[in-house]
Amino acid sequence: MEYSPVYHHEIPQDLAAIPGNIKDRIRKAIETRLLTDPISYGLPLRKSLQGFRKLRVGDYRIIYRIHGKKVIVLKIGHRKDVYPKVLTRFTK
């Protein structure tokens, strides 16, 4: 089952802060894993992020939600600060 990506409008700013070689790995992970089977490859999040999932790419995380045949990507960032920062995107 193919899914189509929907990106939050601040994703380009997230990617600007990430080194080039990691961006390539993230792009490849989205294309090969996330858009083919987001349920199997991603892990569910808990507590305040319940209903969202994460895909691990090295030390970086892709936070997303599945809505029908769409994968809504909310945040891409380093594991040390991606979770608190994704909460700010709910209000935007």
C-alpha atoms as a PDB file:
ATOM      1  CA  MET A   1       0.000   0.000   0.000  1.00  0.00           C
ATOM      2  CA  GLU A   2       1.529   3.325  -1.063  1.00  0.00           C
ATOM      3  CA  TYR A   3       1.082   6.353   1.154  1.00  0.00           C
ATOM      4  CA  SER A   4       1.465   9.972   0.115  1.00  0.00           C
ATOM      5  CA  PRO A   5       3.462  12.424   2.247  1.00  0.00           C
ATOM      6  CA  VAL A   6       2.104  15.672   3.649  1.00  0.00           C
ATOM      7  CA  TYR A   7       4.745  17.885   5.252  1.00  0.00           C
ATOM      8  CA  HIS A   8       4.279  20.565   7.900  1.00  0.00           C
ATOM      9  CA  HIS A   9       5.198  23.987   6.499  1.00  0.00           C
ATOM     10  CA  GLU A  10       8.259  24.226   8.826  1.00  0.00           C
ATOM     11  CA  ILE A  11       9.934  21.005   7.612  1.00  0.00           C
ATOM     12  CA  PRO A  12      12.316  22.931   5.275  1.00  0.00           C
ATOM     13  CA  GLN A  13      13.614  24.832   8.327  1.00  0.00           C
ATOM     14  CA  ASP A  14      14.117  21.525  10.148  1.00  0.00           C
ATOM     15  CA  LEU A  15      16.146  20.155   7.254  1.00  0.00           C
ATOM     16  CA  ALA A  16      18.283  23.297   6.946  1.00  0.00           C
ATOM     17  CA  ALA A  17      19.853  22.537  10.342  1.00  0.00           C
ATOM     18  CA  ILE A  18      20.725  18.919   9.444  1.00  0.00           C
ATOM     19  CA  PRO A  19      24.037  17.900   7.778  1.00  0.00           C
ATOM     20  CA  GLY A  20      23.811  16.912   4.092  1.00  0.00           C
ATOM     21  CA  ASN A  21      24.687  13.236   4.475  1.00  0.00           C
ATOM     22  CA  ILE A  22      21.999  12.829   7.139  1.00  0.00           C
ATOM     23  CA  LYS A  23      19.446  14.596   4.910  1.00  0.00           C
ATOM     24  CA  ASP A  24      20.071  11.947   2.254  1.00  0.00           C
ATOM     25  CA  ARG A  25      19.518   9.157   4.784  1.00  0.00           C
ATOM     26  CA  ILE A  26      16.306  10.814   5.994  1.00  0.00           C
ATOM     27  CA  ARG A  27      15.019  11.235   2.430  1.00  0.00           C
ATOM     28  CA  LYS A  28      15.789   7.606   1.644  1.00  0.00           C
ATOM     29  CA  ALA A  29      14.105   6.427   4.869  1.00  0.00           C
ATOM     30  CA  ILE A  30      10.965   8.410   4.040  1.00  0.00           C
ATOM     31  CA  GLU A  31      10.822   7.038   0.497  1.00  0.00           C
ATOM     32  CA  THR A  32      11.652   3.399   1.260  1.00  0.00           C
ATOM     33  CA  ARG A  33      10.208   2.823   4.720  1.00  0.00           C
ATOM     34  CA  LEU A  34       7.758   5.513   5.721  1.00  0.00           C
ATOM     35  CA  LEU A  35       5.774   5.717   2.485  1.00  0.00           C
ATOM     36  CA  THR A  36       5.634   1.955   1.957  1.00  0.00           C
ATOM     37  CA  ASP A  37       4.658   0.742   5.439  1.00  0.00           C
ATOM     38  CA  PRO A  38       4.565   3.435   8.149  1.00  0.00           C
ATOM     39  CA  ILE A  39       2.890   1.176  10.696  1.00  0.00           C
ATOM     40  CA  SER A  40       5.544  -1.551  10.624  1.00  0.00           C
ATOM     41  CA  TYR A  41       8.599   0.707  10.477  1.00  0.00           C
ATOM     42  CA  GLY A  42       7.530   3.399  12.946  1.00  0.00           C
ATOM     43  CA  LEU A  43       6.973   3.081  16.656  1.00  0.00           C
ATOM     44  CA  PRO A  44       4.002   4.620  18.480  1.00  0.00           C
ATOM     45  CA  LEU A  45       4.655   7.500  20.863  1.00  0.00           C
ATOM     46  CA  ARG A  46       3.138   7.793  24.329  1.00  0.00           C
ATOM     47  CA  LYS A  47       1.811  10.329  26.804  1.00  0.00           C
ATOM     48  CA  SER A  48       1.351  13.813  25.290  1.00  0.00           C
ATOM     49  CA  LEU A  49       2.270  12.518  21.796  1.00  0.00           C
ATOM     50  CA  GLN A  50      -0.147   9.598  21.811  1.00  0.00           C
ATOM     51  CA  GLY A  51      -1.507   8.994  18.318  1.00  0.00           C
ATOM     52  CA  PHE A  52       1.781   9.947  16.690  1.00  0.00           C
ATOM     53  CA  ARG A  53       4.611   7.701  15.567  1.00  0.00           C
ATOM     54  CA  LYS A  54       8.368   8.038  15.158  1.00  0.00           C
ATOM     55  CA  LEU A  55      10.795   6.722  12.591  1.00  0.00           C
ATOM     56  CA  ARG A  56      14.405   6.493  13.736  1.00  0.00           C
ATOM     57  CA  VAL A  57      17.205   7.468  11.333  1.00  0.00           C
ATOM     58  CA  GLY A  58      20.446   7.339  13.320  1.00  0.00           C
ATOM     59  CA  ASP A  59      20.254  10.047  15.981  1.00  0.00           C
ATOM     60  CA  TYR A  60      17.411  11.793  14.147  1.00  0.00           C
ATOM     61  CA  ARG A  61      13.684  11.202  14.428  1.00  0.00           C
ATOM     62  CA  ILE A  62      10.807  11.745  12.028  1.00  0.00           C
ATOM     63  CA  ILE A  63       7.577  12.414  13.932  1.00  0.00           C
ATOM     64  CA  TYR A  64       4.450  11.659  11.921  1.00  0.00           C
ATOM     65  CA  ARG A  65       0.793  10.668  12.012  1.00  0.00           C
ATOM     66  CA  ILE A  66      -1.097   8.387   9.657  1.00  0.00           C
ATOM     67  CA  HIS A  67      -4.383   9.699   8.292  1.00  0.00           C
ATOM     68  CA  GLY A  68      -5.970   7.375   5.762  1.00  0.00           C
ATOM     69  CA  LYS A  69      -3.493   6.979   2.902  1.00  0.00           C
ATOM     70  CA  LYS A  70      -1.522  10.063   3.966  1.00  0.00           C
ATOM     71  CA  VAL A  71       1.530  10.267   6.197  1.00  0.00           C
ATOM     72  CA  ILE A  72       1.586  13.684   7.868  1.00  0.00           C
ATOM     73  CA  VAL A  73       5.183  14.552   8.817  1.00  0.00           C
ATOM     74  CA  LEU A  74       5.197  17.103  11.638  1.00  0.00           C
ATOM     75  CA  LYS A  75       8.840  17.329  12.703  1.00  0.00           C
ATOM     76  CA  ILE A  76      12.286  16.072  11.752  1.00  0.00           C
ATOM     77  CA  GLY A  77      15.053  16.645  14.265  1.00  0.00           C
ATOM     78  CA  HIS A  78      17.745  15.350  16.578  1.00  0.00           C
ATOM     79  CA  ARG A  79      16.547  12.974  19.257  1.00  0.00           C
ATOM     80  CA  LYS A  80      17.654  15.269  22.094  1.00  0.00           C
ATOM     81  CA  ASP A  81      15.104  17.971  21.309  1.00  0.00           C
ATOM     82  CA  VAL A  82      12.613  16.724  18.718  1.00  0.00           C
ATOM     83  CA  TYR A  83       9.901  15.702  21.185  1.00  0.00           C
ATOM     84  CA  PRO A  84       9.431  19.002  23.056  1.00  0.00           C
ATOM     85  CA  LYS A  85       9.627  20.971  19.798  1.00  0.00           C
ATOM     86  CA  VAL A  86       6.962  18.914  18.024  1.00  0.00           C
ATOM     87  CA  LEU A  87       4.433  19.985  20.664  1.00  0.00           C
ATOM     88  CA  THR A  88       4.722  23.597  19.467  1.00  0.00           C
ATOM     89  CA  ARG A  89       3.561  22.577  15.984  1.00  0.00           C
ATOM     90  CA  PHE A  90       0.071  21.589  17.154  1.00  0.00           C
ATOM     91  CA  THR A  91      -0.932  25.201  17.610  1.00  0.00           C
ATOM     92  CA  LYS A  92       0.437  26.465  14.266  1.00  0.00           C
END
